[in-house]
PDB file of N, CA and C in Angstrom:
ATOM      1  N   MET A   1      94.430-139.647  46.333  1.00  0.00           N
ATOM      2  CA  MET A   1      94.618-138.875  47.451  1.00  0.00           C
ATOM      3  C   MET A   1      95.133-139.970  48.708  1.00  0.00           C
ATOM      4  N   LEU A   2      94.688-141.075  48.690  1.00  0.00           N
ATOM      5  CA  LEU A   2      95.007-142.123  49.728  1.00  0.00           C
ATOM      6  C   LEU A   2      96.500-142.355  49.574  1.00  0.00           C
ATOM      7  N   ASP A   3      96.932-142.603  48.118  1.00  0.00           N
ATOM      8  CA  ASP A   3      98.422-142.911  47.840  1.00  0.00           C
ATOM      9  C   ASP A   3      99.207-141.778  48.474  1.00  0.00           C
ATOM     10  N   LEU A   4      99.015-140.653  47.972  1.00  0.00           N
ATOM     11  CA  LEU A   4      99.677-139.529  48.428  1.00  0.00           C
ATOM     12  C   LEU A   4      99.787-139.336  50.256  1.00  0.00           C
ATOM     13  N   VAL A   5      98.674-139.686  50.919  1.00  0.00           N
ATOM     14  CA  VAL A   5      98.670-139.538  52.265  1.00  0.00           C
ATOM     15  C   VAL A   5      99.397-140.776  52.717  1.00  0.00           C
ATOM     16  N   TYR A   6      99.506-142.031  52.113  1.00  0.00           N
ATOM     17  CA  TYR A   6      99.930-143.122  52.783  1.00  0.00           C
ATOM     18  C   TYR A   6     101.562-143.069  52.514  1.00  0.00           C
ATOM     19  N   LEU A   7     101.931-142.457  51.280  1.00  0.00           N
ATOM     20  CA  LEU A   7     103.451-142.253  51.123  1.00  0.00           C
ATOM     21  C   LEU A   7     104.215-141.189  51.760  1.00  0.00           C
ATOM     22  N   GLN A   8     103.382-140.142  51.973  1.00  0.00           N
ATOM     23  CA  GLN A   8     104.063-139.044  52.886  1.00  0.00           C
ATOM     24  C   GLN A   8     104.154-139.101  54.427  1.00  0.00           C
ATOM     25  N   PRO A   9     105.451-139.018  54.784  1.00  0.00           N
ATOM     26  CA  PRO A   9     105.616-139.082  56.464  1.00  0.00           C
ATOM     27  C   PRO A   9     104.785-138.094  56.956  1.00  0.00           C
ATOM     28  N   GLY A  10     103.998-138.286  57.944  1.00  0.00           N
ATOM     29  CA  GLY A  10     102.952-137.537  58.364  1.00  0.00           C
ATOM     30  C   GLY A  10     101.793-137.061  57.623  1.00  0.00           C
ATOM     31  N   GLY A  11     101.536-137.784  56.465  1.00  0.00           N
ATOM     32  CA  GLY A  11     100.427-137.444  55.621  1.00  0.00           C
ATOM     33  C   GLY A  11      98.997-137.695  56.253  1.00  0.00           C
ATOM     34  N   ASP A  12      99.164-138.266  57.408  1.00  0.00           N
ATOM     35  CA  ASP A  12      97.419-138.344  57.860  1.00  0.00           C
ATOM     36  C   ASP A  12      97.332-137.570  58.918  1.00  0.00           C
ATOM     37  N   GLU A  13      98.239-136.501  59.142  1.00  0.00           N
ATOM     38  CA  GLU A  13      98.342-135.615  60.148  1.00  0.00           C
ATOM     39  C   GLU A  13      97.199-134.286  59.818  1.00  0.00           C
ATOM     40  N   LEU A  14      96.539-133.783  60.776  1.00  0.00           N
ATOM     41  CA  LEU A  14      95.598-132.782  60.417  1.00  0.00           C
ATOM     42  C   LEU A  14      96.431-131.610  59.717  1.00  0.00           C
ATOM     43  N   PRO A  15      97.490-131.016  60.119  1.00  0.00           N
ATOM     44  CA  PRO A  15      98.215-130.082  59.679  1.00  0.00           C
ATOM     45  C   PRO A  15      98.728-130.269  58.116  1.00  0.00           C
ATOM     46  N   TYR A  16      99.067-131.368  57.896  1.00  0.00           N
ATOM     47  CA  TYR A  16      99.530-131.631  56.761  1.00  0.00           C
ATOM     48  C   TYR A  16      98.423-131.666  55.519  1.00  0.00           C
ATOM     49  N   LEU A  17      97.253-132.392  56.123  1.00  0.00           N
ATOM     50  CA  LEU A  17      96.006-132.349  55.349  1.00  0.00           C
ATOM     51  C   LEU A  17      95.479-130.997  55.044  1.00  0.00           C
ATOM     52  N   ARG A  18      95.581-130.277  55.885  1.00  0.00           N
ATOM     53  CA  ARG A  18      95.009-128.873  55.754  1.00  0.00           C
ATOM     54  C   ARG A  18      95.978-128.117  54.781  1.00  0.00           C
ATOM     55  N   GLU A  19      97.111-128.432  54.607  1.00  0.00           N
ATOM     56  CA  GLU A  19      98.086-127.639  53.824  1.00  0.00           C
ATOM     57  C   GLU A  19      97.802-128.090  52.332  1.00  0.00           C
ATOM     58  N   LEU A  20      97.065-129.300  52.186  1.00  0.00           N
ATOM     59  CA  LEU A  20      96.746-129.826  50.905  1.00  0.00           C
ATOM     60  C   LEU A  20      95.656-128.803  50.252  1.00  0.00           C
ATOM     61  N   ARG A  21      94.996-128.181  51.013  1.00  0.00           N
ATOM     62  CA  ARG A  21      93.854-127.332  50.579  1.00  0.00           C
ATOM     63  C   ARG A  21      92.942-128.033  49.730  1.00  0.00           C
ATOM     64  N   LEU A  22      92.401-129.020  50.296  1.00  0.00           N
ATOM     65  CA  LEU A  22      91.383-129.851  49.531  1.00  0.00           C
ATOM     66  C   LEU A  22      90.271-129.353  49.210  1.00  0.00           C
ATOM     67  N   GLN A  23      89.927-129.068  47.782  1.00  0.00           N
ATOM     68  CA  GLN A  23      88.603-128.422  47.358  1.00  0.00           C
ATOM     69  C   GLN A  23      87.491-129.410  47.116  1.00  0.00           C
ATOM     70  N   ASN A  24      86.398-128.897  47.119  1.00  0.00           N
ATOM     71  CA  ASN A  24      85.212-129.426  46.532  1.00  0.00           C
ATOM     72  C   ASN A  24      85.037-130.879  47.429  1.00  0.00           C
ATOM     73  N   LEU A  25      85.278-130.748  48.679  1.00  0.00           N
ATOM     74  CA  LEU A  25      84.970-131.747  49.578  1.00  0.00           C
ATOM     75  C   LEU A  25      83.523-132.275  49.922  1.00  0.00           C
ATOM     76  N   ASP A  26      82.754-131.522  49.328  1.00  0.00           N
ATOM     77  CA  ASP A  26      81.028-131.680  49.257  1.00  0.00           C
ATOM     78  C   ASP A  26      80.787-132.733  48.442  1.00  0.00           C
ATOM     79  N   GLN A  27      81.722-132.976  47.390  1.00  0.00           N
ATOM     80  CA  GLN A  27      81.695-133.802  46.307  1.00  0.00           C
ATOM     81  C   GLN A  27      82.480-135.336  46.662  1.00  0.00           C
ATOM     82  N   LEU A  28      83.031-135.266  47.780  1.00  0.00           N
ATOM     83  CA  LEU A  28      83.917-136.447  48.247  1.00  0.00           C
ATOM     84  C   LEU A  28      82.908-137.440  48.861  1.00  0.00           C
ATOM     85  N   ASP A  29      82.949-138.850  48.366  1.00  0.00           N
ATOM     86  CA  ASP A  29      81.859-139.889  49.142  1.00  0.00           C
ATOM     87  C   ASP A  29      82.890-140.493  50.144  1.00  0.00           C
ATOM     88  N   GLN A  30      82.475-140.156  51.229  1.00  0.00           N
ATOM     89  CA  GLN A  30      82.993-140.504  52.374  1.00  0.00           C
ATOM     90  C   GLN A  30      82.780-142.213  52.538  1.00  0.00           C
ATOM     91  N   ASP A  31      81.664-142.565  52.192  1.00  0.00           N
ATOM     92  CA  ASP A  31      81.404-143.934  52.498  1.00  0.00           C
ATOM     93  C   ASP A  31      82.361-144.864  51.467  1.00  0.00           C
ATOM     94  N   ALA A  32      82.667-144.171  50.260  1.00  0.00           N
ATOM     95  CA  ALA A  32      83.748-144.869  49.441  1.00  0.00           C
ATOM     96  C   ALA A  32      85.136-144.973  50.068  1.00  0.00           C
ATOM     97  N   LEU A  33      85.519-143.889  50.748  1.00  0.00           N
ATOM     98  CA  LEU A  33      86.775-143.775  51.306  1.00  0.00           C
ATOM     99  C   LEU A  33      86.823-144.586  52.370  1.00  0.00           C
ATOM    100  N   TRP A  34      85.800-144.780  53.265  1.00  0.00           N
ATOM    101  CA  TRP A  34      85.690-145.617  54.442  1.00  0.00           C
ATOM    102  C   TRP A  34      85.983-147.221  53.980  1.00  0.00           C
ATOM    103  N   ASN A  35      85.069-147.317  52.922  1.00  0.00           N
ATOM    104  CA  ASN A  35      85.185-148.872  52.282  1.00  0.00           C
ATOM    105  C   ASN A  35      86.696-149.177  51.907  1.00  0.00           C
ATOM    106  N   LEU A  36      87.203-148.118  51.205  1.00  0.00           N
ATOM    107  CA  LEU A  36      88.652-148.388  50.755  1.00  0.00           C
ATOM    108  C   LEU A  36      89.663-148.624  51.984  1.00  0.00           C
ATOM    109  N   VAL A  37      89.470-147.639  52.984  1.00  0.00           N
ATOM    110  CA  VAL A  37      90.202-147.957  54.241  1.00  0.00           C
ATOM    111  C   VAL A  37      90.056-149.340  54.813  1.00  0.00           C
ATOM    112  N   LYS A  38      88.805-149.653  54.985  1.00  0.00           N
ATOM    113  CA  LYS A  38      88.523-150.912  55.565  1.00  0.00           C
ATOM    114  C   LYS A  38      89.100-151.938  54.739  1.00  0.00           C
ATOM    115  N   GLU A  39      89.013-152.149  53.405  1.00  0.00           N
ATOM    116  CA  GLU A  39      89.782-153.190  52.602  1.00  0.00           C
ATOM    117  C   GLU A  39      91.295-153.105  52.653  1.00  0.00           C
ATOM    118  N   ILE A  40      91.695-151.875  52.709  1.00  0.00           N
ATOM    119  CA  ILE A  40      93.450-151.899  52.853  1.00  0.00           C
ATOM    120  C   ILE A  40      93.876-152.247  54.308  1.00  0.00           C
ATOM    121  N   GLY A  41      93.101-151.854  55.143  1.00  0.00           N
ATOM    122  CA  GLY A  41      93.392-152.039  56.490  1.00  0.00           C
ATOM    123  C   GLY A  41      94.639-151.578  57.205  1.00  0.00           C
ATOM    124  N   LYS A  42      94.935-150.267  56.612  1.00  0.00           N
ATOM    125  CA  LYS A  42      96.209-149.422  57.340  1.00  0.00           C
ATOM    126  C   LYS A  42      95.702-148.516  58.117  1.00  0.00           C
ATOM    127  N   PRO A  43      96.283-148.545  59.465  1.00  0.00           N
ATOM    128  CA  PRO A  43      95.758-147.550  60.458  1.00  0.00           C
ATOM    129  C   PRO A  43      96.131-146.156  59.959  1.00  0.00           C
ATOM    130  N   LYS A  44      97.220-145.900  59.199  1.00  0.00           N
ATOM    131  CA  LYS A  44      97.539-144.542  58.983  1.00  0.00           C
ATOM    132  C   LYS A  44      96.514-144.123  57.990  1.00  0.00           C
ATOM    133  N   LEU A  45      95.910-144.592  57.062  1.00  0.00           N
ATOM    134  CA  LEU A  45      94.762-144.432  56.185  1.00  0.00           C
ATOM    135  C   LEU A  45      93.580-144.017  57.025  1.00  0.00           C
ATOM    136  N   LYS A  46      93.316-144.926  57.931  1.00  0.00           N
ATOM    137  CA  LYS A  46      91.962-144.762  58.968  1.00  0.00           C
ATOM    138  C   LYS A  46      91.984-143.263  59.652  1.00  0.00           C
ATOM    139  N   ARG A  47      93.294-143.030  60.168  1.00  0.00           N
ATOM    140  CA  ARG A  47      93.654-141.466  60.802  1.00  0.00           C
ATOM    141  C   ARG A  47      93.259-140.497  59.825  1.00  0.00           C
ATOM    142  N   ALA A  48      93.851-140.583  58.523  1.00  0.00           N
ATOM    143  CA  ALA A  48      93.737-139.686  57.564  1.00  0.00           C
ATOM    144  C   ALA A  48      92.283-139.437  57.161  1.00  0.00           C
ATOM    145  N   VAL A  49      91.464-140.543  57.133  1.00  0.00           N
ATOM    146  CA  VAL A  49      90.008-140.210  56.659  1.00  0.00           C
ATOM    147  C   VAL A  49      89.528-139.509  57.810  1.00  0.00           C
ATOM    148  N   GLU A  50      89.564-140.015  59.121  1.00  0.00           N
ATOM    149  CA  GLU A  50      88.914-139.423  60.175  1.00  0.00           C
ATOM    150  C   GLU A  50      89.392-137.819  60.147  1.00  0.00           C
ATOM    151  N   ASN A  51      90.532-137.507  59.970  1.00  0.00           N
ATOM    152  CA  ASN A  51      90.936-136.232  59.764  1.00  0.00           C
ATOM    153  C   ASN A  51      90.290-135.303  58.592  1.00  0.00           C
ATOM    154  N   ILE A  52      90.293-135.986  57.599  1.00  0.00           N
ATOM    155  CA  ILE A  52      89.397-135.506  56.473  1.00  0.00           C
ATOM    156  C   ILE A  52      88.153-135.065  56.831  1.00  0.00           C
ATOM    157  N   ALA A  53      87.682-136.172  57.296  1.00  0.00           N
ATOM    158  CA  ALA A  53      86.006-135.835  58.003  1.00  0.00           C
ATOM    159  C   ALA A  53      86.130-134.642  58.759  1.00  0.00           C
ATOM    160  N   THR A  54      87.151-134.465  59.629  1.00  0.00           N
ATOM    161  CA  THR A  54      87.191-133.295  60.525  1.00  0.00           C
ATOM    162  C   THR A  54      87.176-132.008  59.698  1.00  0.00           C
ATOM    163  N   ILE A  55      87.997-131.990  58.695  1.00  0.00           N
ATOM    164  CA  ILE A  55      88.184-130.843  57.836  1.00  0.00           C
ATOM    165  C   ILE A  55      86.790-130.438  57.123  1.00  0.00           C
ATOM    166  N   MET A  56      86.116-131.687  56.675  1.00  0.00           N
ATOM    167  CA  MET A  56      84.760-131.429  55.901  1.00  0.00           C
ATOM    168  C   MET A  56      83.675-130.762  57.029  1.00  0.00           C
ATOM    169  N   GLN A  57      83.803-131.202  58.133  1.00  0.00           N
ATOM    170  CA  GLN A  57      82.839-130.668  59.160  1.00  0.00           C
ATOM    171  C   GLN A  57      83.090-129.276  59.374  1.00  0.00           C
ATOM    172  N   GLU A  58      84.441-128.865  59.566  1.00  0.00           N
ATOM    173  CA  GLU A  58      84.866-127.556  59.767  1.00  0.00           C
ATOM    174  C   GLU A  58      84.474-126.580  58.444  1.00  0.00           C
ATOM    175  N   GLU A  59      84.502-127.150  57.310  1.00  0.00           N
ATOM    176  CA  GLU A  59      84.303-126.389  56.168  1.00  0.00           C
ATOM    177  C   GLU A  59      82.571-126.228  55.973  1.00  0.00           C
ATOM    178  N   GLU A  60      81.858-127.143  56.487  1.00  0.00           N
ATOM    179  CA  GLU A  60      80.444-127.105  56.539  1.00  0.00           C
ATOM    180  C   GLU A  60      80.199-126.103  57.524  1.00  0.00           C
ATOM    181  N   GLN A  61      80.701-125.919  58.637  1.00  0.00           N
ATOM    182  CA  GLN A  61      80.265-125.030  59.809  1.00  0.00           C
ATOM    183  C   GLN A  61      80.688-123.524  59.167  1.00  0.00           C
ATOM    184  N   ASP A  62      81.671-123.563  58.407  1.00  0.00           N
ATOM    185  CA  ASP A  62      82.204-122.043  58.297  1.00  0.00           C
ATOM    186  C   ASP A  62      81.678-121.532  56.747  1.00  0.00           C
ATOM    187  N   SER A  63      80.901-122.416  56.077  1.00  0.00           N
ATOM    188  CA  SER A  63      80.178-122.082  54.965  1.00  0.00           C
ATOM    189  C   SER A  63      78.940-121.208  55.172  1.00  0.00           C
ATOM    190  N   TYR A  64      78.470-121.586  56.456  1.00  0.00           N
ATOM    191  CA  TYR A  64      77.123-120.769  56.689  1.00  0.00           C
ATOM    192  C   TYR A  64      77.172-119.295  57.455  1.00  0.00           C
ATOM    193  N   GLU A  65      76.758-118.421  56.985  1.00  0.00           N
ATOM    194  CA  GLU A  65      76.873-117.117  57.413  1.00  0.00           C
ATOM    195  C   GLU A  65      75.692-116.884  58.562  1.00  0.00           C
ATOM    196  N   THR A  66      76.246-116.222  59.788  1.00  0.00           N
ATOM    197  CA  THR A  66      75.419-115.837  60.694  1.00  0.00           C
ATOM    198  C   THR A  66      74.624-114.636  60.349  1.00  0.00           C
ATOM    199  N   LEU A  67      73.176-114.778  60.385  1.00  0.00           N
ATOM    200  CA  LEU A  67      72.457-113.461  60.118  1.00  0.00           C
ATOM    201  C   LEU A  67      72.131-112.766  61.489  1.00  0.00           C
ATOM    202  N   SER A  68      72.509-111.494  61.436  1.00  0.00           N
ATOM    203  CA  SER A  68      72.079-110.682  62.696  1.00  0.00           C
ATOM    204  C   SER A  68      70.575-110.227  62.367  1.00  0.00           C
ATOM    205  N   ASP A  69      70.060-109.850  63.821  1.00  0.00           N
ATOM    206  CA  ASP A  69      68.671-109.322  63.579  1.00  0.00           C
ATOM    207  C   ASP A  69      68.502-107.898  63.205  1.00  0.00           C
TER     208      ASP A  69
END
């Protein structure tokens, strides 16, 4: 995934990442991603992982249904 993001112009941008329709993000190890980003040291990948984290938070919030009284 990081290769795709890095090689694609604008691959770190939120609209592009949303278009990928990433699935099973709950199984994605954010710590491992951050470790890779730190090791590689590319700002574009850092922005991408930050945006992926945003998508993950949005999905988590959307997955809960509000119950009415």
